Amino acid sequence: MSMAAVGLLAGMALGIVGYFGGFGAFVLVVALGAIGFVAGKFLDGDLEAGDFFRARTRDRDTRRR
């Protein structure tokens, strides 16, 4: 399935949730979808925990002084 088709299905699902469940349900579905997306990227090996928690480089620290 192409990414365009997946995006279309996700948009349609969000539209249905927003229509029937209201704004709170819409926000909940979007937040859980984002969490699931990031978890899927971790499981596929496309992301690593170090991508979010990198130490700052010395160049940036020395510029502040």
C-alpha atoms as a PDB file:
ATOM      1  CA  MET A   1       0.000   0.000   0.000  1.00  0.00           C
ATOM      2  CA  SER A   2       1.417   3.380  -0.937  1.00  0.00           C
ATOM      3  CA  MET A   3       2.040   6.091   1.619  1.00  0.00           C
ATOM      4  CA  ALA A   4      -0.549   8.280  -0.133  1.00  0.00           C
ATOM      5  CA  ALA A   5      -3.204   5.609   0.442  1.00  0.00           C
ATOM      6  CA  VAL A   6      -2.178   5.232   4.083  1.00  0.00           C
ATOM      7  CA  GLY A   7      -2.392   9.013   4.514  1.00  0.00           C
ATOM      8  CA  LEU A   8      -5.810   9.059   2.875  1.00  0.00           C
ATOM      9  CA  LEU A   9      -7.110   6.330   5.194  1.00  0.00           C
ATOM     10  CA  ALA A  10      -5.659   8.044   8.261  1.00  0.00           C
ATOM     11  CA  GLY A  11      -7.246  11.353   7.234  1.00  0.00           C
ATOM     12  CA  MET A  12     -10.602   9.720   6.693  1.00  0.00           C
ATOM     13  CA  ALA A  13     -10.414   7.968  10.071  1.00  0.00           C
ATOM     14  CA  LEU A  14      -9.538  11.247  11.805  1.00  0.00           C
ATOM     15  CA  GLY A  15     -12.414  12.961  10.030  1.00  0.00           C
ATOM     16  CA  ILE A  16     -14.877  10.332  11.214  1.00  0.00           C
ATOM     17  CA  VAL A  17     -13.566  10.516  14.786  1.00  0.00           C
ATOM     18  CA  GLY A  18     -13.751  14.315  14.725  1.00  0.00           C
ATOM     19  CA  TYR A  19     -17.308  14.262  13.417  1.00  0.00           C
ATOM     20  CA  PHE A  20     -18.738  11.653  15.780  1.00  0.00           C
ATOM     21  CA  GLY A  21     -16.507  12.004  18.829  1.00  0.00           C
ATOM     22  CA  GLY A  22     -15.923  15.728  19.017  1.00  0.00           C
ATOM     23  CA  PHE A  23     -12.717  17.683  19.372  1.00  0.00           C
ATOM     24  CA  GLY A  24     -11.458  15.845  22.482  1.00  0.00           C
ATOM     25  CA  ALA A  25     -11.654  12.478  20.772  1.00  0.00           C
ATOM     26  CA  PHE A  26      -9.970  13.944  17.690  1.00  0.00           C
ATOM     27  CA  VAL A  27      -7.015  15.214  19.749  1.00  0.00           C
ATOM     28  CA  LEU A  28      -6.753  11.882  21.579  1.00  0.00           C
ATOM     29  CA  VAL A  29      -6.655   9.926  18.314  1.00  0.00           C
ATOM     30  CA  VAL A  30      -4.016  12.262  16.854  1.00  0.00           C
ATOM     31  CA  ALA A  31      -1.834  11.990  19.975  1.00  0.00           C
ATOM     32  CA  LEU A  32      -2.092   8.203  20.110  1.00  0.00           C
ATOM     33  CA  GLY A  33      -1.408   8.013  16.380  1.00  0.00           C
ATOM     34  CA  ALA A  34       1.769  10.056  16.816  1.00  0.00           C
ATOM     35  CA  ILE A  35       2.914   7.823  19.666  1.00  0.00           C
ATOM     36  CA  GLY A  36       2.213   4.743  17.565  1.00  0.00           C
ATOM     37  CA  PHE A  37       4.092   6.239  14.621  1.00  0.00           C
ATOM     38  CA  VAL A  38       7.197   6.901  16.721  1.00  0.00           C
ATOM     39  CA  ALA A  39       6.979   3.422  18.295  1.00  0.00           C
ATOM     40  CA  GLY A  40       6.738   1.890  14.831  1.00  0.00           C
ATOM     41  CA  LYS A  41       9.791   3.836  13.679  1.00  0.00           C
ATOM     42  CA  PHE A  42      11.717   2.506  16.699  1.00  0.00           C
ATOM     43  CA  LEU A  43      10.658  -1.060  15.945  1.00  0.00           C
ATOM     44  CA  ASP A  44      11.600  -0.705  12.266  1.00  0.00           C
ATOM     45  CA  GLY A  45      15.036   0.567  13.287  1.00  0.00           C
ATOM     46  CA  ASP A  46      14.603   3.964  11.617  1.00  0.00           C
ATOM     47  CA  LEU A  47      14.959   5.837  14.926  1.00  0.00           C
ATOM     48  CA  GLU A  48      17.196   5.381  17.945  1.00  0.00           C
ATOM     49  CA  ALA A  49      16.809   6.799  21.431  1.00  0.00           C
ATOM     50  CA  GLY A  50      20.001   8.811  20.893  1.00  0.00           C
ATOM     51  CA  ASP A  51      18.218  10.812  18.186  1.00  0.00           C
ATOM     52  CA  PHE A  52      16.114  12.452  20.907  1.00  0.00           C
ATOM     53  CA  PHE A  53      18.689  12.618  23.711  1.00  0.00           C
ATOM     54  CA  ARG A  54      21.917  13.835  22.134  1.00  0.00           C
ATOM     55  CA  ALA A  55      24.530  15.594  24.171  1.00  0.00           C
ATOM     56  CA  ARG A  56      25.317  19.107  23.064  1.00  0.00           C
ATOM     57  CA  THR A  57      28.574  19.678  21.274  1.00  0.00           C
ATOM     58  CA  ARG A  58      31.401  21.693  22.759  1.00  0.00           C
ATOM     59  CA  ASP A  59      31.204  24.255  19.955  1.00  0.00           C
ATOM     60  CA  ARG A  60      27.743  25.310  21.020  1.00  0.00           C
ATOM     61  CA  ASP A  61      28.739  25.539  24.695  1.00  0.00           C
ATOM     62  CA  THR A  62      31.835  27.628  23.999  1.00  0.00           C
ATOM     63  CA  ARG A  63      29.850  30.154  21.946  1.00  0.00           C
ATOM     64  CA  ARG A  64      27.677  30.996  24.954  1.00  0.00           C
ATOM     65  CA  ARG A  65      30.626  32.031  27.139  1.00  0.00           C
END
